[in-house]
Every structure is written in structure tokens, then in C-alpha cells.
Amino acid sequence: MAKVLKFPNLFEGQPIDRSAVRVQALEKRLGVIEQRIANYQDDMNFLNSCMEEDEHEMSELLKELAQIKGFAEEICE
């Protein structure tokens, strides 16, 4: 006969609170974390956009500096 495992009643030595209050607290915390993740994603998208703009500007500056210092032929665009 197989050994039946009992569902734990303790977590880190403390009784597990299965009350509606605990469930509400956990669901609220989950909502907070989901919102933080959404905010982080928005921030990362913004920073990525800024980085792309800076990379483009840096490329243009390097082209101009190379032309001024004689490292590149004039580029006609």
C-alpha cells in the first residue's frame, strides 16, 4: 500500500493561514507585482527607444568626424 502524504499544515514552523483575509492579501500583492512588471516593461521600452536615438546620433557624429579628419570619403546621401 502506498504511503499517503499529508498536506502541510506548517510553513517555516508557523501554521498556514488559509483564511479569506490571507487570500485577499496574497491576491493584492500579486496585483502590485504585476503592475510593477508592467511599469518595468514600459521603462525598458522607453530606454530602448532612447538608446536607438543615441546610437543613430553617435553614428552620424562619427561619420562627420571621420570626414573632417580625412578618414572617410565624402558620403553623398
PDB file of N, CA and C in Angstrom:
ATOM      1  N   MET A   1       0.848  -1.179   0.000  1.00  0.00           N
ATOM      2  CA  MET A   1       0.000   0.000   0.000  1.00  0.00           C
ATOM      3  C   MET A   1       0.894   1.243   0.000  1.00  0.00           C
ATOM      4  N   ALA A   2       0.517   2.252  -0.810  1.00  0.00           N
ATOM      5  CA  ALA A   2       1.308   3.472  -0.926  1.00  0.00           C
ATOM      6  C   ALA A   2       1.143   4.351   0.301  1.00  0.00           C
ATOM      7  N   LYS A   3       2.214   5.066   0.584  1.00  0.00           N
ATOM      8  CA  LYS A   3       2.182   5.996   1.706  1.00  0.00           C
ATOM      9  C   LYS A   3       1.463   7.269   1.266  1.00  0.00           C
ATOM     10  N   VAL A   4       0.510   7.727   2.031  1.00  0.00           N
ATOM     11  CA  VAL A   4      -0.258   8.934   1.723  1.00  0.00           C
ATOM     12  C   VAL A   4       0.438  10.129   2.364  1.00  0.00           C
ATOM     13  N   LEU A   5       0.756  11.132   1.530  1.00  0.00           N
ATOM     14  CA  LEU A   5       1.395  12.347   2.043  1.00  0.00           C
ATOM     15  C   LEU A   5       0.324  13.318   2.513  1.00  0.00           C
ATOM     16  N   LYS A   6       0.501  13.823   3.697  1.00  0.00           N
ATOM     17  CA  LYS A   6      -0.452  14.796   4.224  1.00  0.00           C
ATOM     18  C   LYS A   6      -0.106  16.190   3.706  1.00  0.00           C
ATOM     19  N   PHE A   7      -1.119  16.981   3.426  1.00  0.00           N
ATOM     20  CA  PHE A   7      -0.918  18.366   3.025  1.00  0.00           C
ATOM     21  C   PHE A   7      -0.313  19.097   4.218  1.00  0.00           C
ATOM     22  N   PRO A   8       0.735  19.898   3.987  1.00  0.00           N
ATOM     23  CA  PRO A   8       1.398  20.541   5.131  1.00  0.00           C
ATOM     24  C   PRO A   8       0.487  21.543   5.843  1.00  0.00           C
ATOM     25  N   ASN A   9       0.611  21.550   7.132  1.00  0.00           N
ATOM     26  CA  ASN A   9      -0.142  22.498   7.963  1.00  0.00           C
ATOM     27  C   ASN A   9       0.748  23.600   8.507  1.00  0.00           C
ATOM     28  N   LEU A  10       2.073  23.435   8.310  1.00  0.00           N
ATOM     29  CA  LEU A  10       3.027  24.415   8.812  1.00  0.00           C
ATOM     30  C   LEU A  10       3.913  24.898   7.674  1.00  0.00           C
ATOM     31  N   PHE A  11       4.275  26.172   7.729  1.00  0.00           N
ATOM     32  CA  PHE A  11       5.240  26.754   6.804  1.00  0.00           C
ATOM     33  C   PHE A  11       6.264  27.486   7.645  1.00  0.00           C
ATOM     34  N   GLU A  12       7.517  27.053   7.548  1.00  0.00           N
ATOM     35  CA  GLU A  12       8.593  27.611   8.358  1.00  0.00           C
ATOM     36  C   GLU A  12       8.220  27.602   9.837  1.00  0.00           C
ATOM     37  N   GLY A  13       7.600  26.521  10.266  1.00  0.00           N
ATOM     38  CA  GLY A  13       7.252  26.347  11.672  1.00  0.00           C
ATOM     39  C   GLY A  13       6.011  27.078  12.122  1.00  0.00           C
ATOM     40  N   GLN A  14       5.366  27.820  11.225  1.00  0.00           N
ATOM     41  CA  GLN A  14       4.171  28.578  11.592  1.00  0.00           C
ATOM     42  C   GLN A  14       2.953  27.956  10.896  1.00  0.00           C
ATOM     43  N   PRO A  15       1.811  27.982  11.551  1.00  0.00           N
ATOM     44  CA  PRO A  15       0.610  27.447  10.908  1.00  0.00           C
ATOM     45  C   PRO A  15       0.274  28.230   9.633  1.00  0.00           C
ATOM     46  N   ILE A  16      -0.156  27.509   8.608  1.00  0.00           N
ATOM     47  CA  ILE A  16      -0.534  28.148   7.346  1.00  0.00           C
ATOM     48  C   ILE A  16      -1.917  28.774   7.502  1.00  0.00           C
ATOM     49  N   ASP A  17      -2.006  30.055   7.159  1.00  0.00           N
ATOM     50  CA  ASP A  17      -3.273  30.784   7.242  1.00  0.00           C
ATOM     51  C   ASP A  17      -3.995  30.632   5.908  1.00  0.00           C
ATOM     52  N   ARG A  18      -5.092  29.908   5.913  1.00  0.00           N
ATOM     53  CA  ARG A  18      -5.863  29.693   4.681  1.00  0.00           C
ATOM     54  C   ARG A  18      -7.113  30.569   4.648  1.00  0.00           C
ATOM     55  N   SER A  19      -7.156  31.544   5.489  1.00  0.00           N
ATOM     56  CA  SER A  19      -8.359  32.366   5.601  1.00  0.00           C
ATOM     57  C   SER A  19      -8.542  33.263   4.382  1.00  0.00           C
ATOM     58  N   ALA A  20      -9.724  33.782   4.249  1.00  0.00           N
ATOM     59  CA  ALA A  20     -10.044  34.692   3.149  1.00  0.00           C
ATOM     60  C   ALA A  20      -9.189  35.955   3.226  1.00  0.00           C
ATOM     61  N   VAL A  21      -8.847  36.381   4.423  1.00  0.00           N
ATOM     62  CA  VAL A  21      -8.015  37.570   4.601  1.00  0.00           C
ATOM     63  C   VAL A  21      -6.634  37.326   3.998  1.00  0.00           C
ATOM     64  N   ARG A  22      -6.076  36.149   4.242  1.00  0.00           N
ATOM     65  CA  ARG A  22      -4.759  35.808   3.694  1.00  0.00           C
ATOM     66  C   ARG A  22      -4.820  35.727   2.172  1.00  0.00           C
ATOM     67  N   VAL A  23      -5.872  35.122   1.652  1.00  0.00           N
ATOM     68  CA  VAL A  23      -6.038  35.013   0.202  1.00  0.00           C
ATOM     69  C   VAL A  23      -6.129  36.394  -0.416  1.00  0.00           C
ATOM     70  N   GLN A  24      -6.893  37.287   0.208  1.00  0.00           N
ATOM     71  CA  GLN A  24      -7.004  38.661  -0.300  1.00  0.00           C
ATOM     72  C   GLN A  24      -5.652  39.362  -0.283  1.00  0.00           C
ATOM     73  N   ALA A  25      -4.888  39.177   0.784  1.00  0.00           N
ATOM     74  CA  ALA A  25      -3.577  39.812   0.893  1.00  0.00           C
ATOM     75  C   ALA A  25      -2.645  39.306  -0.203  1.00  0.00           C
ATOM     76  N   LEU A  26      -2.670  38.000  -0.452  1.00  0.00           N
ATOM     77  CA  LEU A  26      -1.820  37.437  -1.495  1.00  0.00           C
ATOM     78  C   LEU A  26      -2.238  37.922  -2.878  1.00  0.00           C
ATOM     79  N   GLU A  27      -3.532  37.979  -3.138  1.00  0.00           N
ATOM     80  CA  GLU A  27      -4.021  38.463  -4.435  1.00  0.00           C
ATOM     81  C   GLU A  27      -3.683  39.935  -4.640  1.00  0.00           C
ATOM     82  N   LYS A  28      -3.767  40.730  -3.573  1.00  0.00           N
ATOM     83  CA  LYS A  28      -3.413  42.145  -3.664  1.00  0.00           C
ATOM     84  C   LYS A  28      -1.931  42.297  -3.984  1.00  0.00           C
ATOM     85  N   ARG A  29      -1.102  41.519  -3.304  1.00  0.00           N
ATOM     86  CA  ARG A  29       0.346  41.576  -3.550  1.00  0.00           C
ATOM     87  C   ARG A  29       0.658  41.145  -4.982  1.00  0.00           C
ATOM     88  N   LEU A  30      -0.040  40.135  -5.474  1.00  0.00           N
ATOM     89  CA  LEU A  30       0.139  39.688  -6.844  1.00  0.00           C
ATOM     90  C   LEU A  30      -0.186  40.815  -7.823  1.00  0.00           C
ATOM     91  N   GLY A  31      -1.253  41.549  -7.560  1.00  0.00           N
ATOM     92  CA  GLY A  31      -1.620  42.688  -8.406  1.00  0.00           C
ATOM     93  C   GLY A  31      -0.542  43.767  -8.406  1.00  0.00           C
ATOM     94  N   VAL A  32       0.020  44.024  -7.227  1.00  0.00           N
ATOM     95  CA  VAL A  32       1.089  45.032  -7.112  1.00  0.00           C
ATOM     96  C   VAL A  32       2.298  44.605  -7.936  1.00  0.00           C
ATOM     97  N   ILE A  33       2.666  43.342  -7.819  1.00  0.00           N
ATOM     98  CA  ILE A  33       3.826  42.848  -8.564  1.00  0.00           C
ATOM     99  C   ILE A  33       3.564  42.875 -10.061  1.00  0.00           C
ATOM    100  N   GLU A  34       2.361  42.514 -10.486  1.00  0.00           N
ATOM    101  CA  GLU A  34       2.027  42.575 -11.916  1.00  0.00           C
ATOM    102  C   GLU A  34       2.139  44.003 -12.439  1.00  0.00           C
ATOM    103  N   GLN A  35       1.693  44.982 -11.659  1.00  0.00           N
ATOM    104  CA  GLN A  35       1.779  46.381 -12.076  1.00  0.00           C
ATOM    105  C   GLN A  35       3.229  46.835 -12.153  1.00  0.00           C
ATOM    106  N   ARG A  36       4.044  46.421 -11.183  1.00  0.00           N
ATOM    107  CA  ARG A  36       5.472  46.772 -11.214  1.00  0.00           C
ATOM    108  C   ARG A  36       6.143  46.215 -12.457  1.00  0.00           C
ATOM    109  N   ILE A  37       5.817  44.978 -12.805  1.00  0.00           N
ATOM    110  CA  ILE A  37       6.391  44.372 -14.003  1.00  0.00           C
ATOM    111  C   ILE A  37       5.970  45.149 -15.243  1.00  0.00           C
ATOM    112  N   ALA A  38       4.708  45.553 -15.314  1.00  0.00           N
ATOM    113  CA  ALA A  38       4.232  46.352 -16.450  1.00  0.00           C
ATOM    114  C   ALA A  38       4.979  47.684 -16.515  1.00  0.00           C
ATOM    115  N   ASN A  39       5.204  48.302 -15.361  1.00  0.00           N
ATOM    116  CA  ASN A  39       5.957  49.558 -15.321  1.00  0.00           C
ATOM    117  C   ASN A  39       7.394  49.356 -15.774  1.00  0.00           C
ATOM    118  N   TYR A  40       8.015  48.266 -15.320  1.00  0.00           N
ATOM    119  CA  TYR A  40       9.382  47.973 -15.748  1.00  0.00           C
ATOM    120  C   TYR A  40       9.437  47.800 -17.262  1.00  0.00           C
ATOM    121  N   GLN A  41       8.448  47.115 -17.825  1.00  0.00           N
ATOM    122  CA  GLN A  41       8.426  46.893 -19.271  1.00  0.00           C
ATOM    123  C   GLN A  41       8.290  48.224 -20.009  1.00  0.00           C
ATOM    124  N   ASP A  42       7.428  49.104 -19.514  1.00  0.00           N
ATOM    125  CA  ASP A  42       7.287  50.436 -20.121  1.00  0.00           C
ATOM    126  C   ASP A  42       8.611  51.194 -20.052  1.00  0.00           C
ATOM    127  N   ASP A  43       9.269  51.132 -18.899  1.00  0.00           N
ATOM    128  CA  ASP A  43      10.563  51.810 -18.739  1.00  0.00           C
ATOM    129  C   ASP A  43      11.593  51.248 -19.713  1.00  0.00           C
ATOM    130  N   MET A  44      11.635  49.922 -19.841  1.00  0.00           N
ATOM    131  CA  MET A  44      12.602  49.300 -20.742  1.00  0.00           C
ATOM    132  C   MET A  44      12.332  49.698 -22.192  1.00  0.00           C
ATOM    133  N   ASN A  45      11.056  49.776 -22.578  1.00  0.00           N
ATOM    134  CA  ASN A  45      10.716  50.202 -23.938  1.00  0.00           C
ATOM    135  C   ASN A  45      11.164  51.642 -24.180  1.00  0.00           C
ATOM    136  N   PHE A  46      10.935  52.521 -23.205  1.00  0.00           N
ATOM    137  CA  PHE A  46      11.350  53.912 -23.320  1.00  0.00           C
ATOM    138  C   PHE A  46      12.865  54.015 -23.440  1.00  0.00           C
ATOM    139  N   LEU A  47      13.574  53.306 -22.571  1.00  0.00           N
ATOM    140  CA  LEU A  47      15.037  53.345 -22.595  1.00  0.00           C
ATOM    141  C   LEU A  47      15.585  52.778 -23.901  1.00  0.00           C
ATOM    142  N   ASN A  48      14.962  51.742 -24.419  1.00  0.00           N
ATOM    143  CA  ASN A  48      15.390  51.171 -25.693  1.00  0.00           C
ATOM    144  C   ASN A  48      15.239  52.198 -26.810  1.00  0.00           C
ATOM    145  N   SER A  49      14.137  52.928 -26.794  1.00  0.00           N
ATOM    146  CA  SER A  49      13.913  53.971 -27.788  1.00  0.00           C
ATOM    147  C   SER A  49      14.982  55.059 -27.679  1.00  0.00           C
ATOM    148  N   CYS A  50      15.287  55.476 -26.462  1.00  0.00           N
ATOM    149  CA  CYS A  50      16.332  56.483 -26.242  1.00  0.00           C
ATOM    150  C   CYS A  50      17.680  55.974 -26.735  1.00  0.00           C
ATOM    151  N   MET A  51      17.971  54.720 -26.454  1.00  0.00           N
ATOM    152  CA  MET A  51      19.241  54.147 -26.869  1.00  0.00           C
ATOM    153  C   MET A  51      19.349  54.114 -28.400  1.00  0.00           C
ATOM    154  N   GLU A  52      18.269  53.747 -29.079  1.00  0.00           N
ATOM    155  CA  GLU A  52      18.292  53.722 -30.542  1.00  0.00           C
ATOM    156  C   GLU A  52      18.555  55.116 -31.112  1.00  0.00           C
ATOM    157  N   GLU A  53      17.917  56.132 -30.529  1.00  0.00           N
ATOM    158  CA  GLU A  53      18.136  57.501 -30.979  1.00  0.00           C
ATOM    159  C   GLU A  53      19.594  57.915 -30.762  1.00  0.00           C
ATOM    160  N   ASP A  54      20.141  57.585 -29.589  1.00  0.00           N
ATOM    161  CA  ASP A  54      21.531  57.935 -29.284  1.00  0.00           C
ATOM    162  C   ASP A  54      22.509  57.211 -30.201  1.00  0.00           C
ATOM    163  N   GLU A  55      22.223  55.947 -30.502  1.00  0.00           N
ATOM    164  CA  GLU A  55      23.090  55.195 -31.405  1.00  0.00           C
ATOM    165  C   GLU A  55      23.105  55.826 -32.799  1.00  0.00           C
ATOM    166  N   HIS A  56      21.932  56.260 -33.249  1.00  0.00           N
ATOM    167  CA  HIS A  56      21.849  56.907 -34.561  1.00  0.00           C
ATOM    168  C   HIS A  56      22.650  58.211 -34.559  1.00  0.00           C
ATOM    169  N   GLU A  57      22.468  59.016 -33.520  1.00  0.00           N
ATOM    170  CA  GLU A  57      23.202  60.287 -33.427  1.00  0.00           C
ATOM    171  C   GLU A  57      24.706  60.033 -33.357  1.00  0.00           C
ATOM    172  N   MET A  58      25.116  59.029 -32.575  1.00  0.00           N
ATOM    173  CA  MET A  58      26.533  58.718 -32.457  1.00  0.00           C
ATOM    174  C   MET A  58      27.097  58.301 -33.820  1.00  0.00           C
ATOM    175  N   SER A  59      26.346  57.536 -34.567  1.00  0.00           N
ATOM    176  CA  SER A  59      26.787  57.108 -35.891  1.00  0.00           C
ATOM    177  C   SER A  59      26.988  58.310 -36.807  1.00  0.00           C
ATOM    178  N   GLU A  60      26.048  59.242 -36.755  1.00  0.00           N
ATOM    179  CA  GLU A  60      26.160  60.446 -37.585  1.00  0.00           C
ATOM    180  C   GLU A  60      27.369  61.284 -37.172  1.00  0.00           C
ATOM    181  N   LEU A  61      27.597  61.414 -35.876  1.00  0.00           N
ATOM    182  CA  LEU A  61      28.747  62.171 -35.383  1.00  0.00           C
ATOM    183  C   LEU A  61      30.059  61.521 -35.811  1.00  0.00           C
ATOM    184  N   LEU A  62      30.139  60.208 -35.718  1.00  0.00           N
ATOM    185  CA  LEU A  62      31.357  59.503 -36.122  1.00  0.00           C
ATOM    186  C   LEU A  62      31.621  59.663 -37.623  1.00  0.00           C
ATOM    187  N   LYS A  63      30.567  59.613 -38.414  1.00  0.00           N
ATOM    188  CA  LYS A  63      30.722  59.812 -39.857  1.00  0.00           C
ATOM    189  C   LYS A  63      31.292  61.202 -40.144  1.00  0.00           C
ATOM    190  N   GLU A  64      30.735  62.198 -39.473  1.00  0.00           N
ATOM    191  CA  GLU A  64      31.185  63.569 -39.706  1.00  0.00           C
ATOM    192  C   GLU A  64      32.628  63.760 -39.226  1.00  0.00           C
ATOM    193  N   LEU A  65      32.947  63.218 -38.056  1.00  0.00           N
ATOM    194  CA  LEU A  65      34.315  63.323 -37.555  1.00  0.00           C
ATOM    195  C   LEU A  65      35.303  62.618 -38.485  1.00  0.00           C
ATOM    196  N   ALA A  66      34.929  61.456 -38.987  1.00  0.00           N
ATOM    197  CA  ALA A  66      35.805  60.720 -39.900  1.00  0.00           C
ATOM    198  C   ALA A  66      36.048  61.533 -41.158  1.00  0.00           C
ATOM    199  N   GLN A  67      35.021  62.195 -41.636  1.00  0.00           N
ATOM    200  CA  GLN A  67      35.143  63.019 -42.844  1.00  0.00           C
ATOM    201  C   GLN A  67      36.052  64.218 -42.574  1.00  0.00           C
ATOM    202  N   ILE A  68      35.857  64.888 -41.447  1.00  0.00           N
ATOM    203  CA  ILE A  68      36.644  66.059 -41.096  1.00  0.00           C
ATOM    204  C   ILE A  68      38.117  65.691 -40.936  1.00  0.00           C
ATOM    205  N   LYS A  69      38.390  64.552 -40.325  1.00  0.00           N
ATOM    206  CA  LYS A  69      39.775  64.143 -40.062  1.00  0.00           C
ATOM    207  C   LYS A  69      40.392  63.377 -41.229  1.00  0.00           C
ATOM    208  N   GLY A  70      39.645  63.254 -42.327  1.00  0.00           N
ATOM    209  CA  GLY A  70      40.193  62.641 -43.521  1.00  0.00           C
ATOM    210  C   GLY A  70      40.215  61.121 -43.537  1.00  0.00           C
ATOM    211  N   PHE A  71      39.451  60.485 -42.701  1.00  0.00           N
ATOM    212  CA  PHE A  71      39.414  59.028 -42.673  1.00  0.00           C
ATOM    213  C   PHE A  71      38.378  58.448 -43.625  1.00  0.00           C
ATOM    214  N   ALA A  72      37.493  59.268 -44.124  1.00  0.00           N
ATOM    215  CA  ALA A  72      36.440  58.722 -44.988  1.00  0.00           C
ATOM    216  C   ALA A  72      36.205  59.668 -46.152  1.00  0.00           C
ATOM    217  N   GLU A  73      35.807  59.091 -47.236  1.00  0.00           N
ATOM    218  CA  GLU A  73      35.413  59.893 -48.391  1.00  0.00           C
ATOM    219  C   GLU A  73      34.085  60.576 -48.062  1.00  0.00           C
ATOM    220  N   GLU A  74      33.811  61.677 -48.744  1.00  0.00           N
ATOM    221  CA  GLU A  74      32.527  62.322 -48.535  1.00  0.00           C
ATOM    222  C   GLU A  74      31.419  61.394 -48.953  1.00  0.00           C
ATOM    223  N   ILE A  75      30.405  61.331 -48.126  1.00  0.00           N
ATOM    224  CA  ILE A  75      29.272  60.468 -48.397  1.00  0.00           C
ATOM    225  C   ILE A  75      28.131  61.314 -48.924  1.00  0.00           C
ATOM    226  N   CYS A  76      27.659  60.993 -50.095  1.00  0.00           N
ATOM    227  CA  CYS A  76      26.520  61.711 -50.674  1.00  0.00           C
ATOM    228  C   CYS A  76      25.271  60.901 -50.361  1.00  0.00           C
ATOM    229  N   GLU A  77      24.323  61.533 -49.703  1.00  0.00           N
ATOM    230  CA  GLU A  77      23.074  60.842 -49.362  1.00  0.00           C
ATOM    231  C   GLU A  77      21.911  61.530 -50.025  1.00  0.00           C
TER     232      GLU A  77
END
